[in-house]
N, C-alpha and C. Protein backbone atom coordinates (compact mmCIF):
# COMPACT_ATOMS: atom_id res chain seq x y z
N MET A 1 -153.44 -87.52 -131.18
CA MET A 1 -154.77 -87.93 -131.12
C MET A 1 -155.34 -87.76 -129.56
N ARG A 2 -154.33 -88.34 -128.70
CA ARG A 2 -154.56 -88.24 -127.22
C ARG A 2 -155.04 -86.78 -126.77
N LEU A 3 -154.20 -85.82 -127.26
CA LEU A 3 -154.24 -84.51 -126.78
C LEU A 3 -155.58 -83.94 -127.32
N LEU A 4 -156.32 -84.43 -128.56
CA LEU A 4 -157.54 -83.83 -128.90
C LEU A 4 -158.35 -84.63 -128.07
N LEU A 5 -158.45 -85.62 -127.95
CA LEU A 5 -159.45 -86.53 -127.20
C LEU A 5 -159.47 -86.20 -125.74
N ASN A 6 -158.30 -85.59 -125.00
CA ASN A 6 -158.22 -85.24 -123.78
C ASN A 6 -158.92 -83.81 -123.53
N ILE A 7 -158.75 -83.09 -124.53
CA ILE A 7 -159.59 -81.61 -124.67
C ILE A 7 -161.13 -82.01 -124.68
N LEU A 8 -161.58 -82.80 -125.75
CA LEU A 8 -162.71 -83.27 -125.57
C LEU A 8 -163.22 -83.66 -124.63
N TRP A 9 -162.53 -84.44 -123.94
CA TRP A 9 -162.93 -85.05 -122.53
C TRP A 9 -163.19 -83.93 -121.48
N VAL A 10 -162.18 -83.10 -121.29
CA VAL A 10 -162.45 -82.00 -120.38
C VAL A 10 -163.61 -81.12 -120.65
N VAL A 11 -163.69 -80.77 -121.89
CA VAL A 11 -164.69 -79.85 -122.48
C VAL A 11 -166.33 -80.59 -122.45
N LEU A 12 -166.32 -81.73 -122.93
CA LEU A 12 -167.59 -82.33 -123.30
C LEU A 12 -167.83 -83.47 -122.33
N GLY A 13 -167.06 -84.33 -122.08
CA GLY A 13 -166.98 -85.33 -121.34
C GLY A 13 -167.04 -85.39 -119.82
N GLY A 14 -167.10 -83.88 -119.18
CA GLY A 14 -167.10 -83.98 -117.81
C GLY A 14 -165.57 -84.21 -117.08
N GLY A 15 -164.60 -84.09 -117.62
CA GLY A 15 -163.45 -84.48 -117.06
C GLY A 15 -163.01 -83.21 -116.09
N PHE A 16 -163.38 -82.15 -116.36
CA PHE A 16 -162.88 -80.98 -115.24
C PHE A 16 -163.90 -81.16 -113.85
N ILE A 17 -165.27 -81.66 -114.08
CA ILE A 17 -166.15 -81.94 -113.13
C ILE A 17 -165.70 -83.07 -112.38
N ILE A 18 -165.26 -84.07 -112.83
CA ILE A 18 -164.78 -85.35 -112.14
C ILE A 18 -163.58 -84.98 -111.45
N TRP A 19 -162.63 -84.23 -112.12
CA TRP A 19 -161.30 -83.93 -111.52
C TRP A 19 -161.65 -82.97 -110.26
N LEU A 20 -162.70 -82.11 -110.35
CA LEU A 20 -163.05 -81.20 -109.34
C LEU A 20 -163.59 -82.05 -108.07
N GLU A 21 -164.36 -82.96 -108.19
CA GLU A 21 -164.90 -83.69 -107.35
C GLU A 21 -163.99 -84.52 -106.62
N TYR A 22 -163.29 -85.19 -107.25
CA TYR A 22 -162.27 -86.02 -106.58
C TYR A 22 -161.15 -85.04 -105.82
N LEU A 23 -161.03 -83.99 -106.34
CA LEU A 23 -160.01 -83.30 -105.63
C LEU A 23 -160.46 -82.69 -104.34
N ILE A 24 -161.74 -82.13 -104.30
CA ILE A 24 -162.54 -81.67 -103.12
C ILE A 24 -162.51 -82.91 -102.05
N GLY A 25 -163.06 -83.95 -102.68
CA GLY A 25 -163.20 -85.20 -101.86
C GLY A 25 -161.67 -85.52 -101.15
N GLY A 26 -160.75 -85.40 -102.05
CA GLY A 26 -159.31 -85.76 -101.41
C GLY A 26 -159.01 -84.78 -100.42
N LEU A 27 -159.36 -83.43 -100.60
CA LEU A 27 -158.92 -82.65 -99.63
C LEU A 27 -159.70 -82.59 -98.25
N LEU A 28 -160.98 -83.06 -98.62
CA LEU A 28 -161.67 -83.15 -97.29
C LEU A 28 -161.38 -84.41 -96.48
N LEU A 29 -160.97 -85.43 -97.19
CA LEU A 29 -160.60 -86.81 -96.62
C LEU A 29 -159.05 -86.47 -95.74
N CYS A 30 -158.29 -85.63 -96.32
CA CYS A 30 -156.92 -85.28 -95.86
C CYS A 30 -156.93 -84.60 -94.51
N LEU A 31 -158.17 -84.11 -94.35
CA LEU A 31 -158.34 -83.34 -93.05
C LEU A 31 -158.22 -84.07 -91.72
N THR A 32 -158.55 -85.25 -91.65
CA THR A 32 -158.17 -86.16 -90.80
C THR A 32 -157.03 -87.09 -90.99
N ILE A 33 -156.45 -87.58 -89.80
CA ILE A 33 -155.42 -88.39 -90.02
C ILE A 33 -155.54 -89.74 -90.68
N ILE A 34 -156.75 -90.29 -90.26
CA ILE A 34 -157.10 -91.51 -90.73
C ILE A 34 -157.74 -91.57 -92.34
N GLY A 35 -158.12 -90.31 -92.64
CA GLY A 35 -158.61 -90.15 -93.94
C GLY A 35 -157.57 -89.99 -94.95
N ILE A 36 -156.30 -89.76 -94.48
CA ILE A 36 -155.26 -89.33 -95.37
C ILE A 36 -154.90 -90.39 -96.75
N PRO A 37 -154.72 -91.80 -96.22
CA PRO A 37 -154.46 -92.60 -97.53
C PRO A 37 -155.69 -92.54 -98.46
N PHE A 38 -156.83 -92.48 -97.88
CA PHE A 38 -157.99 -92.45 -98.79
C PHE A 38 -158.07 -91.07 -99.53
N GLY A 39 -157.68 -89.99 -99.09
CA GLY A 39 -157.45 -88.73 -99.80
C GLY A 39 -156.48 -88.88 -100.64
N LEU A 40 -155.43 -89.52 -100.78
CA LEU A 40 -154.42 -89.91 -101.54
C LEU A 40 -154.85 -90.72 -102.87
N GLN A 41 -155.64 -91.66 -102.34
CA GLN A 41 -156.31 -92.46 -103.58
C GLN A 41 -157.30 -91.55 -104.39
N CYS A 42 -158.02 -90.59 -103.76
CA CYS A 42 -158.79 -89.58 -104.42
C CYS A 42 -157.95 -88.72 -105.36
N PHE A 43 -156.91 -88.43 -105.04
CA PHE A 43 -155.90 -87.58 -105.75
C PHE A 43 -155.50 -88.48 -107.15
N LYS A 44 -155.48 -89.69 -106.85
CA LYS A 44 -155.01 -90.56 -107.86
C LYS A 44 -155.93 -90.62 -109.01
N LEU A 45 -157.25 -90.75 -108.50
CA LEU A 45 -158.57 -90.77 -109.27
C LEU A 45 -158.74 -89.60 -110.03
N ALA A 46 -158.33 -88.43 -109.34
CA ALA A 46 -158.52 -87.01 -109.93
C ALA A 46 -157.63 -86.79 -111.11
N GLY A 47 -156.29 -87.22 -110.87
CA GLY A 47 -155.55 -87.17 -112.14
C GLY A 47 -155.86 -88.13 -113.20
N LEU A 48 -156.20 -89.09 -113.21
CA LEU A 48 -156.97 -89.94 -114.23
C LEU A 48 -158.04 -89.32 -114.82
N GLY A 49 -159.07 -88.85 -113.73
CA GLY A 49 -160.18 -88.10 -114.42
C GLY A 49 -160.03 -87.06 -115.11
N LEU A 50 -158.95 -86.18 -114.97
CA LEU A 50 -158.94 -84.97 -115.86
C LEU A 50 -158.40 -85.25 -117.09
N LEU A 51 -157.32 -86.27 -117.19
CA LEU A 51 -156.66 -86.21 -118.65
C LEU A 51 -156.61 -88.09 -118.59
N PRO A 52 -157.64 -88.74 -119.03
CA PRO A 52 -157.71 -90.15 -118.97
C PRO A 52 -156.76 -90.87 -120.18
N PHE A 53 -157.06 -90.19 -121.31
CA PHE A 53 -156.43 -90.78 -122.52
C PHE A 53 -155.09 -90.82 -122.60
N GLY A 54 -154.49 -91.90 -122.87
CA GLY A 54 -152.95 -91.97 -122.78
C GLY A 54 -152.34 -92.71 -121.73
N LYS A 55 -153.16 -92.90 -120.64
CA LYS A 55 -152.87 -93.35 -119.42
C LYS A 55 -153.18 -94.78 -119.26
N ASP A 56 -152.52 -95.66 -118.29
CA ASP A 56 -152.80 -97.00 -118.09
C ASP A 56 -152.63 -97.42 -116.75
N ILE A 57 -153.63 -98.15 -116.17
CA ILE A 57 -153.67 -98.84 -114.92
C ILE A 57 -152.96 -100.11 -114.76
N SER A 58 -151.97 -100.24 -113.70
CA SER A 58 -151.37 -101.18 -113.58
C SER A 58 -151.34 -101.58 -112.12
N ASP A 59 -150.74 -102.71 -111.86
CA ASP A 59 -150.62 -103.18 -110.50
C ASP A 59 -149.22 -102.56 -109.93
N ALA A 60 -149.29 -102.04 -108.74
CA ALA A 60 -148.17 -101.60 -108.03
C ALA A 60 -147.26 -102.77 -107.55
N PRO A 61 -146.03 -102.68 -107.70
CA PRO A 61 -145.19 -103.59 -107.08
C PRO A 61 -145.27 -103.66 -105.57
N GLY A 62 -145.02 -104.69 -105.12
CA GLY A 62 -145.16 -105.01 -103.65
C GLY A 62 -146.24 -104.53 -102.94
N ALA A 63 -147.45 -105.00 -103.58
CA ALA A 63 -148.69 -104.84 -102.83
C ALA A 63 -148.78 -105.46 -101.66
N SER A 64 -149.31 -104.86 -100.46
CA SER A 64 -149.34 -105.24 -99.14
C SER A 64 -150.51 -105.56 -98.63
N PRO A 65 -150.76 -106.35 -97.41
CA PRO A 65 -152.00 -106.89 -97.08
C PRO A 65 -152.76 -105.86 -96.53
N VAL A 66 -152.05 -104.66 -96.09
CA VAL A 66 -152.71 -103.43 -95.53
C VAL A 66 -153.56 -102.86 -96.75
N GLY A 67 -152.97 -102.88 -97.99
CA GLY A 67 -153.70 -102.23 -99.26
C GLY A 67 -154.84 -103.09 -99.38
N CYS A 68 -155.01 -104.20 -99.12
CA CYS A 68 -155.80 -105.14 -99.44
C CYS A 68 -157.08 -104.61 -98.41
N VAL A 69 -156.68 -104.71 -97.08
CA VAL A 69 -157.74 -104.24 -95.99
C VAL A 69 -158.31 -102.71 -96.34
N LEU A 70 -157.43 -101.99 -96.74
CA LEU A 70 -157.96 -100.57 -96.97
C LEU A 70 -158.70 -100.64 -98.19
N ASN A 71 -158.65 -101.56 -99.38
CA ASN A 71 -159.40 -101.75 -100.54
C ASN A 71 -160.84 -102.04 -99.93
N VAL A 72 -160.82 -103.20 -99.13
CA VAL A 72 -162.27 -103.68 -98.43
C VAL A 72 -163.10 -102.48 -98.17
N PHE A 73 -162.47 -101.61 -97.11
CA PHE A 73 -162.99 -100.66 -96.41
C PHE A 73 -163.61 -99.62 -97.42
N TRP A 74 -162.70 -99.32 -98.45
CA TRP A 74 -162.90 -98.29 -99.51
C TRP A 74 -164.24 -98.67 -100.32
N ILE A 75 -164.16 -100.21 -100.60
CA ILE A 75 -165.39 -100.54 -101.46
C ILE A 75 -166.62 -100.53 -100.80
N LEU A 76 -166.49 -100.84 -99.33
CA LEU A 76 -167.72 -100.71 -98.63
C LEU A 76 -168.19 -99.42 -98.49
N VAL A 77 -167.34 -98.48 -98.12
CA VAL A 77 -167.94 -97.14 -98.03
C VAL A 77 -168.20 -96.28 -99.13
N ALA A 78 -167.13 -96.34 -100.06
CA ALA A 78 -167.39 -95.32 -101.35
C ALA A 78 -167.24 -96.24 -102.68
N GLY A 79 -166.34 -96.99 -102.81
CA GLY A 79 -165.83 -97.65 -104.07
C GLY A 79 -167.15 -98.21 -104.79
N ILE A 80 -168.17 -98.88 -104.13
CA ILE A 80 -169.06 -99.37 -105.14
C ILE A 80 -170.03 -98.40 -105.59
N TRP A 81 -170.19 -97.25 -105.01
CA TRP A 81 -171.01 -96.23 -105.60
C TRP A 81 -170.23 -95.39 -106.65
N ILE A 82 -168.88 -95.22 -106.35
CA ILE A 82 -168.42 -94.67 -107.38
C ILE A 82 -168.10 -95.41 -108.57
N PHE A 83 -167.93 -96.55 -108.45
CA PHE A 83 -167.94 -97.70 -109.54
C PHE A 83 -169.32 -97.72 -110.38
N LEU A 84 -170.23 -97.66 -109.67
CA LEU A 84 -171.62 -97.75 -110.45
C LEU A 84 -171.93 -96.52 -110.97
N SER A 85 -171.55 -95.33 -110.68
CA SER A 85 -171.91 -94.05 -111.14
C SER A 85 -171.02 -93.94 -112.52
N HIS A 86 -169.67 -94.37 -112.49
CA HIS A 86 -168.81 -94.42 -113.84
C HIS A 86 -169.45 -95.34 -114.64
N LEU A 87 -169.86 -96.58 -114.18
CA LEU A 87 -170.25 -97.69 -115.14
C LEU A 87 -171.65 -97.07 -115.86
N GLY A 88 -172.52 -96.16 -115.03
CA GLY A 88 -173.72 -96.03 -115.67
C GLY A 88 -173.47 -94.81 -116.52
N LEU A 89 -172.44 -94.21 -116.37
CA LEU A 89 -172.14 -92.90 -117.42
C LEU A 89 -171.44 -93.54 -118.80
N ALA A 90 -170.95 -94.70 -118.29
CA ALA A 90 -170.18 -95.56 -119.53
C ALA A 90 -171.21 -96.12 -120.47
N LEU A 91 -172.25 -96.49 -119.90
CA LEU A 91 -173.42 -97.32 -120.46
C LEU A 91 -174.37 -96.10 -121.15
N GLY A 92 -174.35 -95.08 -120.63
CA GLY A 92 -174.95 -93.87 -121.43
C GLY A 92 -174.26 -93.34 -122.68
N LEU A 93 -172.97 -93.33 -122.53
CA LEU A 93 -172.08 -92.72 -123.63
C LEU A 93 -171.99 -93.68 -124.56
N ALA A 94 -172.09 -95.25 -124.33
CA ALA A 94 -171.76 -96.11 -125.32
C ALA A 94 -172.93 -96.41 -126.31
N VAL A 95 -174.04 -95.73 -126.01
CA VAL A 95 -175.36 -96.03 -126.88
C VAL A 95 -174.88 -95.09 -128.11
N THR A 96 -173.88 -94.01 -128.02
CA THR A 96 -173.58 -93.38 -129.41
C THR A 96 -172.29 -93.75 -129.74
N VAL A 97 -172.08 -93.68 -131.20
CA VAL A 97 -170.88 -94.10 -131.76
C VAL A 97 -169.86 -93.17 -131.22
N ILE A 98 -170.04 -91.84 -131.21
CA ILE A 98 -169.16 -90.90 -130.76
C ILE A 98 -168.64 -90.94 -129.30
N GLY A 99 -169.59 -91.42 -128.38
CA GLY A 99 -169.31 -91.60 -126.97
C GLY A 99 -168.65 -92.78 -126.74
N ILE A 100 -168.37 -93.72 -127.55
CA ILE A 100 -167.65 -94.85 -127.15
C ILE A 100 -166.10 -94.71 -126.51
N PRO A 101 -165.40 -93.86 -127.04
CA PRO A 101 -164.10 -93.72 -126.38
C PRO A 101 -164.29 -93.18 -125.16
N PHE A 102 -165.15 -92.11 -124.77
CA PHE A 102 -165.57 -91.75 -123.34
C PHE A 102 -166.15 -92.90 -122.54
N ALA A 103 -166.78 -93.71 -122.99
CA ALA A 103 -167.32 -94.77 -122.36
C ALA A 103 -166.14 -95.72 -121.86
N ILE A 104 -165.23 -95.99 -122.95
CA ILE A 104 -163.86 -96.71 -122.34
C ILE A 104 -163.19 -96.09 -121.15
N GLN A 105 -163.14 -94.86 -121.28
CA GLN A 105 -162.37 -94.20 -120.09
C GLN A 105 -163.12 -94.12 -119.00
N HIS A 106 -164.45 -94.06 -118.82
CA HIS A 106 -165.36 -94.34 -117.75
C HIS A 106 -165.13 -95.74 -117.08
N VAL A 107 -164.98 -96.64 -117.97
CA VAL A 107 -164.79 -98.18 -117.46
C VAL A 107 -163.54 -98.04 -116.69
N LYS A 108 -162.52 -97.29 -117.47
CA LYS A 108 -161.30 -97.53 -116.78
C LYS A 108 -161.36 -96.80 -115.38
N LEU A 109 -161.74 -95.62 -115.29
CA LEU A 109 -161.91 -94.76 -114.01
C LEU A 109 -162.85 -95.78 -113.05
N ALA A 110 -163.79 -96.62 -113.32
CA ALA A 110 -164.55 -97.57 -112.70
C ALA A 110 -163.72 -98.52 -112.05
N MET A 111 -162.85 -99.15 -112.96
CA MET A 111 -162.14 -100.19 -112.46
C MET A 111 -161.13 -99.61 -111.30
N LEU A 112 -160.60 -98.50 -111.52
CA LEU A 112 -159.65 -97.92 -110.46
C LEU A 112 -160.40 -97.44 -109.42
N ALA A 113 -161.53 -96.90 -109.34
CA ALA A 113 -162.45 -96.54 -108.25
C ALA A 113 -163.00 -97.66 -107.41
N LEU A 114 -163.01 -98.90 -107.78
CA LEU A 114 -163.52 -100.00 -107.06
C LEU A 114 -162.50 -100.48 -106.16
N ALA A 115 -161.15 -100.47 -106.57
CA ALA A 115 -160.07 -100.66 -105.70
C ALA A 115 -158.80 -100.02 -106.02
N PRO A 116 -158.51 -98.89 -105.45
CA PRO A 116 -157.47 -98.19 -105.93
C PRO A 116 -156.04 -98.48 -105.31
N PHE A 117 -156.16 -98.88 -104.10
CA PHE A 117 -155.04 -99.30 -103.50
C PHE A 117 -154.34 -100.40 -103.95
N GLY A 118 -152.76 -100.33 -104.28
CA GLY A 118 -152.12 -101.16 -104.84
C GLY A 118 -152.06 -101.05 -106.45
N LYS A 119 -152.67 -99.93 -107.00
CA LYS A 119 -152.73 -99.69 -108.29
C LYS A 119 -151.85 -98.56 -108.76
N ARG A 120 -151.53 -98.33 -109.90
CA ARG A 120 -150.59 -97.24 -110.37
C ARG A 120 -150.92 -96.87 -111.73
N VAL A 121 -151.09 -95.41 -111.82
CA VAL A 121 -151.61 -95.03 -113.08
C VAL A 121 -150.24 -94.56 -113.71
N ARG A 122 -150.18 -95.03 -115.06
CA ARG A 122 -148.79 -94.60 -115.79
C ARG A 122 -148.98 -94.09 -117.11
N PRO A 123 -148.30 -93.19 -117.63
CA PRO A 123 -148.71 -92.82 -119.04
C PRO A 123 -148.15 -93.93 -119.90
């Protein structure tokens, strides 16, 4: 079932577009030394954005205060806008019965996009 939902996500739910956007954003952020930690978080989001079904988000062990500071900077610069876009897509998809599983995945992406430092994506 996960395979079928992931295929439908890539084809109909915009998974490929989401993956491509996060991948390009991560590559651009990695061009600068300061942007490398943020680029790595974009790659984490890209992986979840491509095939979200069957994956779970959990707290990484040993979260550091540096990660908290980076999360605050992330939220102020980009996190809130990414969060709101995924939440808007989730609300739009939740209107239809068929779109509810996709809406749940957008909520999962929104929660990770809000504060990605200190989070781990696991199967």
